[in-house]
Amino acid sequence: MYYADYTYYAAKYGFAGTKLNETQFLTYRNQAQGFVAMITFHRIEESGMTESEIPDAVKNAVCAVAEYLKAYDDNGGALKASETVSKHAVTYYREQGTSKESEMRKIAGVYLDGTWLAYRGI
């Protein structure tokens, strides 16, 4: 079972993603889904949800993390701070003391924080 597919990623009323083509999305989706499953304590599988019942928050988290993973691979974890068109200069930055996992948690948290899926309590 996949939490999000490319159709959802690219759909106007889905995630509306444009940073990844279908091949790239499929490459990074499994890693992103594994991470989202971990931070949601595998509650989607345990609850018996079908693919059609998966909340948009989960689908969006997978899509956003997949985009981050691609950017991480392309730029060694640095994010684009600025870009100049003439003479094409690009500046990247990476926050001190942040890890790949902490950035992924921040990105997924935008969609999952406040949901029962990310609740760490009993």
Protein backbone atom coordinates (compact mmCIF):
# COMPACT_ATOMS: atom_id res chain seq x y z
CA MET A 1 0.00 0.00 0.00
CA TYR A 2 1.27 3.46 -0.90
CA TYR A 3 0.29 6.53 1.08
CA ALA A 4 0.54 8.80 -1.97
CA ASP A 5 0.88 8.20 -5.70
CA TYR A 6 2.17 10.44 -8.47
CA THR A 7 -1.36 11.33 -9.56
CA TYR A 8 -2.01 12.82 -6.11
CA TYR A 9 1.41 14.50 -6.04
CA ALA A 10 0.84 16.31 -9.34
CA ALA A 11 -2.92 16.94 -9.06
CA LYS A 12 -4.18 20.50 -8.76
CA TYR A 13 -6.38 19.51 -5.82
CA GLY A 14 -3.83 17.12 -4.35
CA PHE A 15 -0.35 18.20 -3.35
CA ALA A 16 0.07 20.17 -6.61
CA GLY A 17 3.76 19.27 -6.75
CA THR A 18 5.95 20.30 -9.65
CA LYS A 19 9.49 19.71 -8.35
CA LEU A 20 9.63 16.00 -9.18
CA ASN A 21 8.81 14.14 -12.35
CA GLU A 22 7.13 10.76 -12.05
CA THR A 23 10.35 8.74 -12.01
CA GLN A 24 11.88 10.96 -9.33
CA PHE A 25 8.73 10.83 -7.24
CA LEU A 26 8.64 7.05 -7.37
CA THR A 27 12.32 6.92 -6.42
CA TYR A 28 11.90 9.05 -3.29
CA ARG A 29 8.38 8.03 -2.27
CA ASN A 30 9.41 4.79 -0.57
CA GLN A 31 11.95 6.54 1.65
CA ALA A 32 9.48 9.31 2.43
CA GLN A 33 6.70 6.85 3.20
CA GLY A 34 8.96 4.82 5.47
CA PHE A 35 9.85 7.96 7.38
CA VAL A 36 6.22 9.08 7.68
CA ALA A 37 5.23 5.58 8.83
CA MET A 38 7.91 5.75 11.52
CA ILE A 39 6.91 9.16 12.89
CA THR A 40 3.22 8.17 12.87
CA PHE A 41 4.09 4.98 14.75
CA HIS A 42 2.75 2.82 11.89
CA ARG A 43 -0.79 3.75 12.91
CA ILE A 44 -2.04 3.75 9.32
CA GLU A 45 -1.24 0.07 8.85
CA GLU A 46 -2.37 -0.82 12.36
CA SER A 47 -5.70 0.94 11.92
CA GLY A 48 -6.44 -1.07 8.79
CA MET A 49 -6.94 2.00 6.59
CA THR A 50 -7.19 1.40 2.88
CA GLU A 51 -5.38 3.62 0.38
CA SER A 52 -8.56 5.61 -0.23
CA GLU A 53 -8.96 6.28 3.52
CA ILE A 54 -5.49 7.73 4.08
CA PRO A 55 -5.85 11.38 5.18
CA ASP A 56 -4.55 14.14 2.92
CA ALA A 57 -2.24 15.24 5.74
CA VAL A 58 -0.35 11.96 5.43
CA LYS A 59 -0.25 12.12 1.64
CA ASN A 60 1.02 15.69 1.78
CA ALA A 61 3.71 14.77 4.31
CA VAL A 62 4.97 11.98 2.04
CA CYS A 63 5.04 14.31 -0.98
CA ALA A 64 6.85 17.08 0.90
CA VAL A 65 9.44 14.72 2.37
CA ALA A 66 10.02 13.18 -1.08
CA GLU A 67 10.75 16.66 -2.46
CA TYR A 68 13.14 17.33 0.41
CA LEU A 69 14.97 14.04 -0.15
CA LYS A 70 15.52 14.91 -3.81
CA ALA A 71 16.82 18.38 -2.87
CA TYR A 72 19.03 16.80 -0.21
CA ASP A 73 20.57 14.44 -2.75
CA ASP A 74 21.05 17.25 -5.27
CA ASN A 75 22.60 19.75 -2.86
CA GLY A 76 24.14 17.68 -0.08
CA GLY A 77 21.50 18.77 2.39
CA ALA A 78 21.81 22.47 1.69
CA LEU A 79 18.74 24.47 0.75
CA LYS A 80 18.64 27.25 -1.81
CA ALA A 81 18.86 30.66 -0.14
CA SER A 82 18.95 32.80 -3.28
CA GLU A 83 19.45 32.66 -7.02
CA THR A 84 20.55 35.35 -9.47
CA VAL A 85 19.54 34.93 -13.10
CA SER A 86 22.16 37.05 -14.86
CA LYS A 87 25.52 35.25 -14.66
CA HIS A 88 23.54 32.55 -12.80
CA ALA A 89 24.74 32.61 -9.18
CA VAL A 90 23.09 30.28 -6.66
CA THR A 91 23.59 30.46 -2.90
CA TYR A 92 22.84 27.53 -0.59
CA TYR A 93 22.61 27.38 3.17
CA ARG A 94 22.35 24.73 5.82
CA GLU A 95 21.27 25.48 9.35
CA GLN A 96 23.92 24.70 11.92
CA GLY A 97 23.15 21.73 14.11
CA THR A 98 20.38 20.31 11.96
CA SER A 99 20.36 16.78 10.67
CA LYS A 100 18.61 15.25 7.70
CA GLU A 101 16.12 13.56 10.04
CA SER A 102 15.34 16.74 11.97
CA GLU A 103 14.64 18.58 8.72
CA MET A 104 12.38 15.74 7.57
CA ARG A 105 10.52 15.89 10.89
CA LYS A 106 9.98 19.63 10.48
CA ILE A 107 8.68 19.20 6.94
CA ALA A 108 6.35 16.33 7.80
CA GLY A 109 5.27 18.10 10.98
CA VAL A 110 3.78 20.93 8.96
CA TYR A 111 1.11 18.45 7.85
CA LEU A 112 0.97 15.95 10.73
CA ASP A 113 1.34 17.99 13.93
CA GLY A 114 -1.93 18.15 15.78
CA THR A 115 -3.26 14.92 14.28
CA TRP A 116 -3.83 11.70 16.17
CA LEU A 117 -1.30 10.02 13.89
CA ALA A 118 1.65 11.99 15.28
CA TYR A 119 0.54 11.98 18.92
CA ARG A 120 3.31 10.45 21.06
CA GLY A 121 1.18 9.80 24.12
CA ILE A 122 -1.03 6.90 25.01
